[in-house]
Amino acid sequence: ARSHTYSSSEQLWRGVVRDEPGNLRGYVNLGSALVRQQPPKYVEAETLFNHAIVRDITCRRGCSQLAYVLSAQGRMPEAADLLERTIAHDPGNGPVERRLSLILMKLGWFDRAIPHLEHVASAYPTEQHLVVLAVAYFAVERRQNGISALEHATQLYPNNLEIRKLGGTLYAAGRSADAIPHLKELAISLAESWQ
């Protein structure tokens, strides 16, 4: 019987939820197991995540996972609210803040996304974070900030010639109002892996 229970993460976590109904981790892990199934069981997972969220006001358990489910269903404003709530209780959570900035950009709310992008790029100055920030700046016509972000990326990563090429392209594109929608699409595309 124990071997059957441990044969799948769904069975394992269903047992935890059944035997320890106060174990919030059990609800979150069962919901996560259901999301990973093919096809995902979003409705049941959402119920489980909500169960954990109601009992954890810090939003450390369930909010980020439910935000993923909501964004997968196209419910972006609800997902953004949950991620903002998570960041309020855990301001140093880089992966959650990256996802929040991506969702805000997808909603077209670049001005709300940029402070989060700035925070992530400051805390974790990777090439990708700095380039996404630069493109987002150009997309909202903050060219000088975009140039500064690219210069910072070039200083940190002098061997990456693509960043230098991108700087010239963005500067030229940023001077045309017709390029703004394309720059927004580019920022979203570059950040898509953050989902």
N, C-alpha and C. Protein backbone atom coordinates (compact mmCIF):
# COMPACT_ATOMS: atom_id res chain seq x y z
N ALA A 1 0.84 -1.20 0.00
CA ALA A 1 0.00 0.00 0.00
C ALA A 1 0.88 1.25 0.00
N ARG A 2 1.95 1.20 0.81
CA ARG A 2 2.85 2.37 0.86
C ARG A 2 3.54 2.59 -0.49
N SER A 3 3.93 1.51 -1.15
CA SER A 3 4.56 1.64 -2.48
C SER A 3 3.60 2.28 -3.46
N HIS A 4 2.31 1.92 -3.41
CA HIS A 4 1.31 2.53 -4.30
C HIS A 4 1.19 4.02 -4.00
N THR A 5 1.16 4.38 -2.71
CA THR A 5 1.03 5.78 -2.33
C THR A 5 2.19 6.61 -2.84
N TYR A 6 3.41 6.05 -2.75
CA TYR A 6 4.59 6.80 -3.16
C TYR A 6 4.87 6.71 -4.66
N SER A 7 4.04 6.00 -5.40
CA SER A 7 4.30 5.83 -6.84
C SER A 7 4.02 7.11 -7.62
N SER A 8 3.23 8.01 -7.08
CA SER A 8 2.99 9.29 -7.76
C SER A 8 2.91 10.39 -6.73
N SER A 9 3.36 11.58 -7.13
CA SER A 9 3.32 12.70 -6.19
C SER A 9 1.88 13.07 -5.86
N GLU A 10 0.96 12.86 -6.81
CA GLU A 10 -0.45 13.15 -6.50
C GLU A 10 -0.94 12.27 -5.36
N GLN A 11 -0.68 10.98 -5.44
CA GLN A 11 -1.13 10.06 -4.40
C GLN A 11 -0.47 10.40 -3.05
N LEU A 12 0.81 10.70 -3.10
CA LEU A 12 1.54 11.03 -1.88
C LEU A 12 0.90 12.23 -1.18
N TRP A 13 0.68 13.32 -1.95
CA TRP A 13 0.15 14.54 -1.34
C TRP A 13 -1.33 14.43 -1.02
N ARG A 14 -2.07 13.61 -1.74
CA ARG A 14 -3.47 13.37 -1.35
C ARG A 14 -3.50 12.71 0.04
N GLY A 15 -2.56 11.80 0.28
CA GLY A 15 -2.48 11.17 1.58
C GLY A 15 -2.14 12.17 2.68
N VAL A 16 -1.24 13.10 2.40
CA VAL A 16 -0.87 14.12 3.38
C VAL A 16 -2.07 15.00 3.70
N VAL A 17 -2.80 15.43 2.66
CA VAL A 17 -3.97 16.29 2.86
C VAL A 17 -5.04 15.55 3.66
N ARG A 18 -5.22 14.29 3.36
CA ARG A 18 -6.23 13.48 4.06
C ARG A 18 -5.85 13.27 5.53
N ASP A 19 -4.58 12.94 5.77
CA ASP A 19 -4.15 12.59 7.12
C ASP A 19 -3.80 13.80 7.98
N GLU A 20 -3.37 14.89 7.33
CA GLU A 20 -2.98 16.10 8.07
C GLU A 20 -3.64 17.32 7.43
N PRO A 21 -4.94 17.52 7.66
CA PRO A 21 -5.66 18.61 6.98
C PRO A 21 -5.15 20.01 7.32
N GLY A 22 -4.35 20.15 8.35
CA GLY A 22 -3.78 21.45 8.68
C GLY A 22 -2.45 21.73 8.02
N ASN A 23 -1.93 20.77 7.24
CA ASN A 23 -0.62 20.90 6.61
C ASN A 23 -0.78 21.66 5.28
N LEU A 24 -0.49 22.97 5.31
CA LEU A 24 -0.66 23.81 4.12
C LEU A 24 0.27 23.37 2.99
N ARG A 25 1.45 22.91 3.34
CA ARG A 25 2.39 22.44 2.31
C ARG A 25 1.78 21.29 1.52
N GLY A 26 1.00 20.45 2.18
CA GLY A 26 0.34 19.35 1.49
C GLY A 26 -0.61 19.84 0.42
N TYR A 27 -1.40 20.87 0.72
CA TYR A 27 -2.33 21.42 -0.26
C TYR A 27 -1.59 22.04 -1.45
N VAL A 28 -0.54 22.79 -1.15
CA VAL A 28 0.23 23.44 -2.22
C VAL A 28 0.92 22.39 -3.09
N ASN A 29 1.53 21.39 -2.48
CA ASN A 29 2.23 20.37 -3.26
C ASN A 29 1.26 19.50 -4.06
N LEU A 30 0.08 19.21 -3.51
CA LEU A 30 -0.91 18.48 -4.28
C LEU A 30 -1.38 19.31 -5.46
N GLY A 31 -1.65 20.59 -5.22
CA GLY A 31 -2.04 21.48 -6.33
C GLY A 31 -0.97 21.54 -7.40
N SER A 32 0.30 21.61 -6.98
CA SER A 32 1.40 21.66 -7.95
C SER A 32 1.49 20.37 -8.75
N ALA A 33 1.26 19.23 -8.08
CA ALA A 33 1.27 17.94 -8.79
C ALA A 33 0.16 17.89 -9.83
N LEU A 34 -1.00 18.46 -9.51
CA LEU A 34 -2.12 18.45 -10.45
C LEU A 34 -1.85 19.37 -11.65
N VAL A 35 -1.15 20.47 -11.41
CA VAL A 35 -0.81 21.39 -12.50
C VAL A 35 0.16 20.74 -13.48
N ARG A 36 1.05 19.88 -12.98
CA ARG A 36 2.05 19.23 -13.84
C ARG A 36 1.47 18.09 -14.67
N GLN A 37 0.26 17.64 -14.35
CA GLN A 37 -0.33 16.53 -15.11
C GLN A 37 -0.70 16.98 -16.52
N GLN A 38 -0.84 16.02 -17.39
CA GLN A 38 -1.27 16.30 -18.77
C GLN A 38 -2.60 15.61 -19.02
N PRO A 39 -3.67 16.32 -19.23
CA PRO A 39 -3.75 17.77 -19.15
C PRO A 39 -3.78 18.23 -17.70
N PRO A 40 -3.37 19.49 -17.47
CA PRO A 40 -3.35 20.00 -16.10
C PRO A 40 -4.77 20.06 -15.51
N LYS A 41 -4.86 19.80 -14.22
CA LYS A 41 -6.15 19.88 -13.52
C LYS A 41 -6.22 21.22 -12.79
N TYR A 42 -6.42 22.28 -13.58
CA TYR A 42 -6.38 23.63 -13.03
C TYR A 42 -7.47 23.92 -12.01
N VAL A 43 -8.67 23.44 -12.24
CA VAL A 43 -9.80 23.77 -11.36
C VAL A 43 -9.55 23.21 -9.95
N GLU A 44 -9.16 21.95 -9.87
CA GLU A 44 -8.90 21.36 -8.56
C GLU A 44 -7.68 22.00 -7.91
N ALA A 45 -6.66 22.28 -8.71
CA ALA A 45 -5.45 22.92 -8.18
C ALA A 45 -5.78 24.30 -7.61
N GLU A 46 -6.62 25.05 -8.32
CA GLU A 46 -7.00 26.38 -7.84
C GLU A 46 -7.69 26.29 -6.48
N THR A 47 -8.57 25.31 -6.30
CA THR A 47 -9.24 25.12 -5.02
C THR A 47 -8.24 24.83 -3.91
N LEU A 48 -7.26 23.98 -4.19
CA LEU A 48 -6.25 23.63 -3.20
C LEU A 48 -5.38 24.83 -2.83
N PHE A 49 -4.95 25.59 -3.85
CA PHE A 49 -4.13 26.77 -3.58
C PHE A 49 -4.92 27.80 -2.76
N ASN A 50 -6.19 27.99 -3.11
CA ASN A 50 -7.02 28.93 -2.35
C ASN A 50 -7.16 28.49 -0.90
N HIS A 51 -7.27 27.19 -0.68
CA HIS A 51 -7.35 26.66 0.69
C HIS A 51 -6.10 27.07 1.48
N ALA A 52 -4.94 26.95 0.88
CA ALA A 52 -3.70 27.32 1.56
C ALA A 52 -3.61 28.83 1.77
N ILE A 53 -4.01 29.60 0.76
CA ILE A 53 -3.90 31.06 0.83
C ILE A 53 -4.77 31.62 1.96
N VAL A 54 -5.97 31.10 2.10
CA VAL A 54 -6.88 31.58 3.14
C VAL A 54 -6.26 31.42 4.52
N ARG A 55 -5.43 30.41 4.69
CA ARG A 55 -4.85 30.11 5.99
C ARG A 55 -3.44 30.68 6.17
N ASP A 56 -2.91 31.34 5.15
CA ASP A 56 -1.56 31.89 5.23
C ASP A 56 -1.58 33.34 4.74
N ILE A 57 -1.76 34.29 5.64
CA ILE A 57 -1.90 35.69 5.25
C ILE A 57 -0.61 36.26 4.65
N THR A 58 0.53 35.60 4.88
CA THR A 58 1.78 36.10 4.31
C THR A 58 1.89 35.77 2.83
N CYS A 59 1.03 34.93 2.34
CA CYS A 59 1.00 34.56 0.92
C CYS A 59 2.27 33.83 0.49
N ARG A 60 2.95 33.21 1.43
CA ARG A 60 4.15 32.43 1.07
C ARG A 60 3.79 31.06 0.54
N ARG A 61 2.61 30.59 0.86
CA ARG A 61 2.20 29.26 0.39
C ARG A 61 0.95 29.40 -0.47
N GLY A 62 1.10 29.09 -1.72
CA GLY A 62 -0.05 29.02 -2.60
C GLY A 62 -0.22 30.18 -3.55
N CYS A 63 0.18 31.38 -3.17
CA CYS A 63 -0.08 32.55 -4.03
C CYS A 63 0.66 32.47 -5.36
N SER A 64 1.94 32.21 -5.30
CA SER A 64 2.73 32.14 -6.53
C SER A 64 2.24 31.02 -7.44
N GLN A 65 1.91 29.90 -6.82
CA GLN A 65 1.43 28.75 -7.60
C GLN A 65 0.07 29.04 -8.22
N LEU A 66 -0.81 29.68 -7.46
CA LEU A 66 -2.13 30.03 -8.00
C LEU A 66 -1.98 31.07 -9.10
N ALA A 67 -1.04 32.00 -8.93
CA ALA A 67 -0.80 33.01 -9.98
C ALA A 67 -0.40 32.33 -11.29
N TYR A 68 0.39 31.27 -11.20
CA TYR A 68 0.77 30.53 -12.41
C TYR A 68 -0.48 29.94 -13.08
N VAL A 69 -1.35 29.33 -12.28
CA VAL A 69 -2.58 28.73 -12.82
C VAL A 69 -3.45 29.81 -13.47
N LEU A 70 -3.60 30.93 -12.80
CA LEU A 70 -4.44 32.00 -13.33
C LEU A 70 -3.86 32.57 -14.63
N SER A 71 -2.54 32.76 -14.67
CA SER A 71 -1.94 33.29 -15.90
C SER A 71 -2.03 32.29 -17.04
N ALA A 72 -1.94 31.00 -16.73
CA ALA A 72 -2.09 29.97 -17.77
C ALA A 72 -3.50 29.98 -18.35
N GLN A 73 -4.46 30.44 -17.55
CA GLN A 73 -5.85 30.52 -18.00
C GLN A 73 -6.19 31.90 -18.57
N GLY A 74 -5.19 32.78 -18.66
CA GLY A 74 -5.41 34.11 -19.21
C GLY A 74 -6.00 35.10 -18.22
N ARG A 75 -5.98 34.78 -16.95
CA ARG A 75 -6.54 35.65 -15.91
C ARG A 75 -5.41 36.49 -15.30
N MET A 76 -4.81 37.33 -16.16
CA MET A 76 -3.60 38.06 -15.81
C MET A 76 -3.78 39.07 -14.67
N PRO A 77 -4.85 39.89 -14.65
CA PRO A 77 -4.96 40.83 -13.53
C PRO A 77 -5.02 40.15 -12.16
N GLU A 78 -5.73 39.02 -12.09
CA GLU A 78 -5.80 38.28 -10.83
C GLU A 78 -4.42 37.72 -10.45
N ALA A 79 -3.69 37.23 -11.45
CA ALA A 79 -2.35 36.71 -11.20
C ALA A 79 -1.43 37.82 -10.71
N ALA A 80 -1.52 38.99 -11.32
CA ALA A 80 -0.68 40.12 -10.90
C ALA A 80 -0.98 40.51 -9.46
N ASP A 81 -2.25 40.54 -9.10
CA ASP A 81 -2.62 40.88 -7.71
C ASP A 81 -1.99 39.91 -6.71
N LEU A 82 -2.04 38.63 -7.02
CA LEU A 82 -1.45 37.62 -6.12
C LEU A 82 0.06 37.78 -6.02
N LEU A 83 0.72 38.03 -7.14
CA LEU A 83 2.17 38.18 -7.11
C LEU A 83 2.57 39.46 -6.37
N GLU A 84 1.79 40.53 -6.52
CA GLU A 84 2.06 41.76 -5.77
C GLU A 84 1.91 41.51 -4.27
N ARG A 85 0.92 40.74 -3.92
CA ARG A 85 0.70 40.38 -2.51
C ARG A 85 1.88 39.56 -1.99
N THR A 86 2.39 38.66 -2.80
CA THR A 86 3.53 37.85 -2.40
C THR A 86 4.76 38.72 -2.19
N ILE A 87 5.02 39.63 -3.12
CA ILE A 87 6.18 40.53 -3.03
C ILE A 87 6.07 41.43 -1.80
N ALA A 88 4.86 41.85 -1.46
CA ALA A 88 4.68 42.71 -0.28
C ALA A 88 5.16 42.00 0.99
N HIS A 89 4.99 40.69 1.05
CA HIS A 89 5.42 39.92 2.23
C HIS A 89 6.82 39.34 2.08
N ASP A 90 7.34 39.30 0.85
CA ASP A 90 8.65 38.71 0.60
C ASP A 90 9.37 39.52 -0.49
N PRO A 91 9.79 40.77 -0.14
CA PRO A 91 10.32 41.68 -1.17
C PRO A 91 11.60 41.22 -1.85
N GLY A 92 12.29 40.25 -1.30
CA GLY A 92 13.52 39.78 -1.92
C GLY A 92 13.35 38.58 -2.83
N ASN A 93 12.11 38.23 -3.15
CA ASN A 93 11.85 37.04 -3.95
C ASN A 93 11.98 37.37 -5.45
N GLY A 94 13.19 37.21 -5.96
CA GLY A 94 13.48 37.56 -7.35
C GLY A 94 12.64 36.82 -8.38
N PRO A 95 12.50 35.50 -8.29
CA PRO A 95 11.70 34.79 -9.29
C PRO A 95 10.24 35.26 -9.33
N VAL A 96 9.66 35.54 -8.18
CA VAL A 96 8.27 36.01 -8.15
C VAL A 96 8.20 37.42 -8.75
N GLU A 97 9.17 38.27 -8.43
CA GLU A 97 9.15 39.63 -8.96
C GLU A 97 9.37 39.63 -10.48
N ARG A 98 10.18 38.72 -10.99
CA ARG A 98 10.34 38.61 -12.44
C ARG A 98 9.02 38.23 -13.10
N ARG A 99 8.33 37.23 -12.52
CA ARG A 99 7.04 36.81 -13.08
C ARG A 99 6.03 37.94 -13.04
N LEU A 100 6.04 38.69 -11.93
CA LEU A 100 5.13 39.83 -11.81
C LEU A 100 5.41 40.85 -12.91
N SER A 101 6.68 41.17 -13.13
CA SER A 101 7.00 42.16 -14.16
C SER A 101 6.59 41.67 -15.54
N LEU A 102 6.76 40.39 -15.81
CA LEU A 102 6.33 39.83 -17.10
C LEU A 102 4.81 39.96 -17.27
N ILE A 103 4.06 39.61 -16.25
CA ILE A 103 2.60 39.70 -16.34
C ILE A 103 2.16 41.15 -16.52
N LEU A 104 2.78 42.06 -15.79
CA LEU A 104 2.44 43.48 -15.94
C LEU A 104 2.72 43.97 -17.35
N MET A 105 3.84 43.52 -17.93
CA MET A 105 4.13 43.91 -19.32
C MET A 105 3.11 43.31 -20.27
N LYS A 106 2.72 42.05 -20.05
CA LYS A 106 1.71 41.44 -20.91
C LYS A 106 0.39 42.18 -20.85
N LEU A 107 0.10 42.76 -19.68
CA LEU A 107 -1.12 43.55 -19.53
C LEU A 107 -0.98 44.94 -20.14
N GLY A 108 0.23 45.27 -20.58
CA GLY A 108 0.48 46.59 -21.15
C GLY A 108 0.81 47.64 -20.11
N TRP A 109 1.05 47.21 -18.89
CA TRP A 109 1.32 48.11 -17.78
C TRP A 109 2.83 48.23 -17.55
N PHE A 110 3.52 48.75 -18.55
CA PHE A 110 4.98 48.84 -18.48
C PHE A 110 5.43 49.77 -17.37
N ASP A 111 4.70 50.86 -17.14
CA ASP A 111 5.10 51.78 -16.08
C ASP A 111 5.07 51.12 -14.71
N ARG A 112 4.16 50.18 -14.50
CA ARG A 112 4.11 49.43 -13.24
C ARG A 112 5.17 48.33 -13.22
N ALA A 113 5.53 47.81 -14.38
CA ALA A 113 6.52 46.73 -14.46
C ALA A 113 7.94 47.24 -14.24
N ILE A 114 8.23 48.44 -14.70
CA ILE A 114 9.61 48.93 -14.68
C ILE A 114 10.22 48.97 -13.27
N PRO A 115 9.52 49.45 -12.23
CA PRO A 115 10.16 49.41 -10.91
C PRO A 115 10.55 48.00 -10.47
N HIS A 116 9.75 47.02 -10.86
CA HIS A 116 10.09 45.63 -10.53
C HIS A 116 11.28 45.15 -11.36
N LEU A 117 11.30 45.53 -12.63
CA LEU A 117 12.44 45.18 -13.47
C LEU A 117 13.72 45.81 -12.93
N GLU A 118 13.62 47.07 -12.48
CA GLU A 118 14.78 47.76 -11.92
C GLU A 118 15.28 47.03 -10.67
N HIS A 119 14.36 46.64 -9.83
CA HIS A 119 14.75 45.95 -8.60
C HIS A 119 15.42 44.61 -8.91
N VAL A 120 14.86 43.85 -9.83
CA VAL A 120 15.45 42.56 -10.20
C VAL A 120 16.82 42.75 -10.82
N ALA A 121 16.95 43.72 -11.73
CA ALA A 121 18.23 43.96 -12.39
C ALA A 121 19.29 44.46 -11.41
N SER A 122 18.85 45.19 -10.40
CA SER A 122 19.78 45.67 -9.37
C SER A 122 20.23 44.53 -8.46
N ALA A 123 19.29 43.68 -8.05
CA ALA A 123 19.62 42.57 -7.15
C ALA A 123 20.33 41.44 -7.86
N TYR A 124 19.95 41.20 -9.12
CA TYR A 124 20.51 40.09 -9.91
C TYR A 124 20.89 40.62 -11.29
N PRO A 125 22.03 41.31 -11.42
CA PRO A 125 22.38 41.96 -12.69
C PRO A 125 22.88 40.99 -13.77
N THR A 126 22.01 40.10 -14.19
CA THR A 126 22.37 39.19 -15.28
C THR A 126 22.20 39.92 -16.61
N GLU A 127 22.78 39.35 -17.65
CA GLU A 127 22.63 39.94 -18.98
C GLU A 127 21.15 40.06 -19.36
N GLN A 128 20.41 38.98 -19.12
CA GLN A 128 19.01 38.98 -19.51
C GLN A 128 18.21 40.04 -18.75
N HIS A 129 18.41 40.13 -17.45
CA HIS A 129 17.67 41.12 -16.66
C HIS A 129 17.96 42.54 -17.14
N LEU A 130 19.23 42.84 -17.39
CA LEU A 130 19.60 44.18 -17.82
C LEU A 130 19.08 44.49 -19.22
N VAL A 131 19.10 43.51 -20.10
CA VAL A 131 18.60 43.74 -21.47
C VAL A 131 17.08 43.93 -21.47
N VAL A 132 16.36 43.12 -20.71
CA VAL A 132 14.90 43.28 -20.64
C VAL A 132 14.56 44.67 -20.08
N LEU A 133 15.28 45.07 -19.04
CA LEU A 133 15.05 46.40 -18.47
C LEU A 133 15.31 47.48 -19.51
N ALA A 134 16.41 47.36 -20.24
CA ALA A 134 16.73 48.36 -21.27
C ALA A 134 15.64 48.43 -22.34
N VAL A 135 15.20 47.29 -22.82
CA VAL A 135 14.16 47.28 -23.85
C VAL A 135 12.86 47.89 -23.31
N ALA A 136 12.53 47.57 -22.06
CA ALA A 136 11.32 48.14 -21.45
C ALA A 136 11.44 49.66 -21.35
N TYR A 137 12.61 50.15 -20.99
CA TYR A 137 12.81 51.61 -20.96
C TYR A 137 12.56 52.22 -22.33
N PHE A 138 13.14 51.62 -23.36
CA PHE A 138 12.93 52.14 -24.71
C PHE A 138 11.45 52.08 -25.10
N ALA A 139 10.76 51.05 -24.65
CA ALA A 139 9.34 50.87 -24.99
C ALA A 139 8.46 51.95 -24.38
N VAL A 140 8.92 52.56 -23.28
CA VAL A 140 8.14 53.65 -22.67
C VAL A 140 8.82 55.00 -22.90
N GLU A 141 9.69 55.01 -23.90
CA GLU A 141 10.37 56.22 -24.36
C GLU A 141 11.26 56.86 -23.29
N ARG A 142 11.88 56.03 -22.49
CA ARG A 142 12.89 56.49 -21.53
C ARG A 142 14.25 56.07 -22.08
N ARG A 143 14.61 56.71 -23.20
CA ARG A 143 15.80 56.31 -23.96
C ARG A 143 17.08 56.38 -23.12
N GLN A 144 17.25 57.49 -22.38
CA GLN A 144 18.49 57.65 -21.63
C GLN A 144 18.65 56.54 -20.58
N ASN A 145 17.53 56.18 -19.94
CA ASN A 145 17.59 55.06 -18.98
C ASN A 145 17.94 53.76 -19.70
N GLY A 146 17.38 53.56 -20.89
CA GLY A 146 17.69 52.37 -21.67
C GLY A 146 19.15 52.29 -22.05
N ILE A 147 19.69 53.42 -22.46
CA ILE A 147 21.11 53.47 -22.82
C ILE A 147 21.97 53.16 -21.60
N SER A 148 21.60 53.73 -20.46
CA SER A 148 22.36 53.49 -19.22
C SER A 148 22.33 52.01 -18.84
N ALA A 149 21.17 51.39 -18.96
CA ALA A 149 21.06 49.96 -18.63
C ALA A 149 21.94 49.12 -19.55
N LEU A 150 21.95 49.46 -20.84
CA LEU A 150 22.80 48.72 -21.78
C LEU A 150 24.29 48.97 -21.52
N GLU A 151 24.63 50.21 -21.16
CA GLU A 151 26.04 50.50 -20.84
C GLU A 151 26.47 49.71 -19.61
N HIS A 152 25.58 49.62 -18.63
CA HIS A 152 25.88 48.83 -17.43
C HIS A 152 26.08 47.36 -17.80
N ALA A 153 25.22 46.84 -18.68
CA ALA A 153 25.35 45.45 -19.13
C ALA A 153 26.67 45.25 -19.87
N THR A 154 27.05 46.23 -20.69
CA THR A 154 28.30 46.13 -21.45
C THR A 154 29.50 46.14 -20.51
N GLN A 155 29.43 46.94 -19.45
CA GLN A 155 30.53 46.97 -18.48
C GLN A 155 30.64 45.64 -17.73
N LEU A 156 29.51 45.07 -17.36
CA LEU A 156 29.53 43.80 -16.63
C LEU A 156 29.88 42.61 -17.51
N TYR A 157 29.48 42.70 -18.78
CA TYR A 157 29.65 41.57 -19.71
C TYR A 157 30.34 42.06 -20.99
N PRO A 158 31.62 42.47 -20.89
CA PRO A 158 32.30 43.07 -22.04
C PRO A 158 32.49 42.11 -23.23
N ASN A 159 32.42 40.83 -23.00
CA ASN A 159 32.61 39.87 -24.10
C ASN A 159 31.33 39.59 -24.88
N ASN A 160 30.21 40.12 -24.42
CA ASN A 160 28.94 39.89 -25.11
C ASN A 160 28.74 40.99 -26.15
N LEU A 161 29.11 40.69 -27.39
CA LEU A 161 29.00 41.67 -28.46
C LEU A 161 27.56 41.93 -28.87
N GLU A 162 26.68 40.98 -28.57
CA GLU A 162 25.26 41.14 -28.92
C GLU A 162 24.63 42.32 -28.18
N ILE A 163 25.07 42.55 -26.95
CA ILE A 163 24.52 43.67 -26.19
C ILE A 163 24.87 44.98 -26.87
N ARG A 164 26.10 45.10 -27.36
CA ARG A 164 26.51 46.33 -28.07
C ARG A 164 25.68 46.53 -29.33
N LYS A 165 25.50 45.47 -30.09
CA LYS A 165 24.69 45.56 -31.32
C LYS A 165 23.26 45.96 -30.99
N LEU A 166 22.73 45.35 -29.94
CA LEU A 166 21.36 45.64 -29.54
C LEU A 166 21.20 47.11 -29.16
N GLY A 167 22.22 47.67 -28.51
CA GLY A 167 22.15 49.07 -28.10
C GLY A 167 21.93 50.00 -29.28
N GLY A 168 22.68 49.80 -30.37
CA GLY A 168 22.51 50.63 -31.56
C GLY A 168 21.14 50.44 -32.19
N THR A 169 20.69 49.21 -32.25
CA THR A 169 19.37 48.92 -32.82
C THR A 169 18.26 49.56 -32.01
N LEU A 170 18.34 49.42 -30.68
CA LEU A 170 17.31 49.99 -29.82
C LEU A 170 17.31 51.50 -29.89
N TYR A 171 18.48 52.10 -29.93
CA TYR A 171 18.55 53.55 -30.01
C TYR A 171 17.88 54.06 -31.28
N ALA A 172 18.17 53.40 -32.39
CA ALA A 172 17.55 53.80 -33.66
C ALA A 172 16.05 53.57 -33.64
N ALA A 173 15.63 52.41 -33.13
CA ALA A 173 14.20 52.09 -33.10
C ALA A 173 13.46 52.98 -32.12
N GLY A 174 14.10 53.33 -31.02
CA GLY A 174 13.44 54.12 -29.99
C GLY A 174 13.10 55.52 -30.42
N ARG A 175 13.64 55.96 -31.54
CA ARG A 175 13.33 57.32 -32.02
C ARG A 175 12.08 57.36 -32.88
N SER A 176 11.49 56.20 -33.16
CA SER A 176 10.29 56.12 -33.98
C SER A 176 9.10 55.66 -33.13
N ALA A 177 8.05 56.45 -33.14
CA ALA A 177 6.84 56.08 -32.38
C ALA A 177 6.26 54.77 -32.90
N ASP A 178 6.45 54.48 -34.19
CA ASP A 178 5.93 53.24 -34.77
C ASP A 178 6.61 52.00 -34.18
N ALA A 179 7.79 52.19 -33.60
CA ALA A 179 8.54 51.05 -33.06
C ALA A 179 8.08 50.66 -31.66
N ILE A 180 7.34 51.52 -30.98
CA ILE A 180 6.97 51.27 -29.58
C ILE A 180 6.26 49.93 -29.39
N PRO A 181 5.23 49.59 -30.18
CA PRO A 181 4.59 48.28 -29.98
C PRO A 181 5.55 47.11 -30.18
N HIS A 182 6.47 47.26 -31.12
CA HIS A 182 7.45 46.20 -31.38
C HIS A 182 8.45 46.07 -30.22
N LEU A 183 8.82 47.20 -29.64
CA LEU A 183 9.72 47.16 -28.49
C LEU A 183 9.03 46.49 -27.30
N LYS A 184 7.75 46.76 -27.12
CA LYS A 184 7.01 46.11 -26.04
C LYS A 184 6.94 44.61 -26.27
N GLU A 185 6.68 44.21 -27.51
CA GLU A 185 6.65 42.78 -27.83
C GLU A 185 8.02 42.13 -27.58
N LEU A 186 9.08 42.85 -27.92
CA LEU A 186 10.43 42.32 -27.72
C LEU A 186 10.72 42.13 -26.23
N ALA A 187 10.36 43.11 -25.41
CA ALA A 187 10.59 42.99 -23.96
C ALA A 187 9.86 41.78 -23.40
N ILE A 188 8.62 41.60 -23.81
CA ILE A 188 7.83 40.45 -23.35
C ILE A 188 8.46 39.14 -23.83
N SER A 189 8.86 39.12 -25.08
CA SER A 189 9.46 37.91 -25.65
C SER A 189 10.75 37.54 -24.92
N LEU A 190 11.59 38.52 -24.61
CA LEU A 190 12.84 38.26 -23.92
C LEU A 190 12.62 37.77 -22.49
N ALA A 191 11.50 38.18 -21.88
CA ALA A 191 11.20 37.79 -20.50
C ALA A 191 10.30 36.56 -20.40
N GLU A 192 9.89 36.01 -21.52
CA GLU A 192 8.91 34.92 -21.53
C GLU A 192 9.34 33.71 -20.69
N SER A 193 10.62 33.46 -20.61
CA SER A 193 11.09 32.31 -19.84
C SER A 193 10.88 32.49 -18.34
N TRP A 194 10.51 33.69 -17.91
CA TRP A 194 10.30 33.96 -16.49
C TRP A 194 8.99 33.38 -15.99
N GLN A 195 8.13 32.96 -16.87
CA GLN A 195 6.82 32.40 -16.48
C GLN A 195 7.05 31.16 -15.67
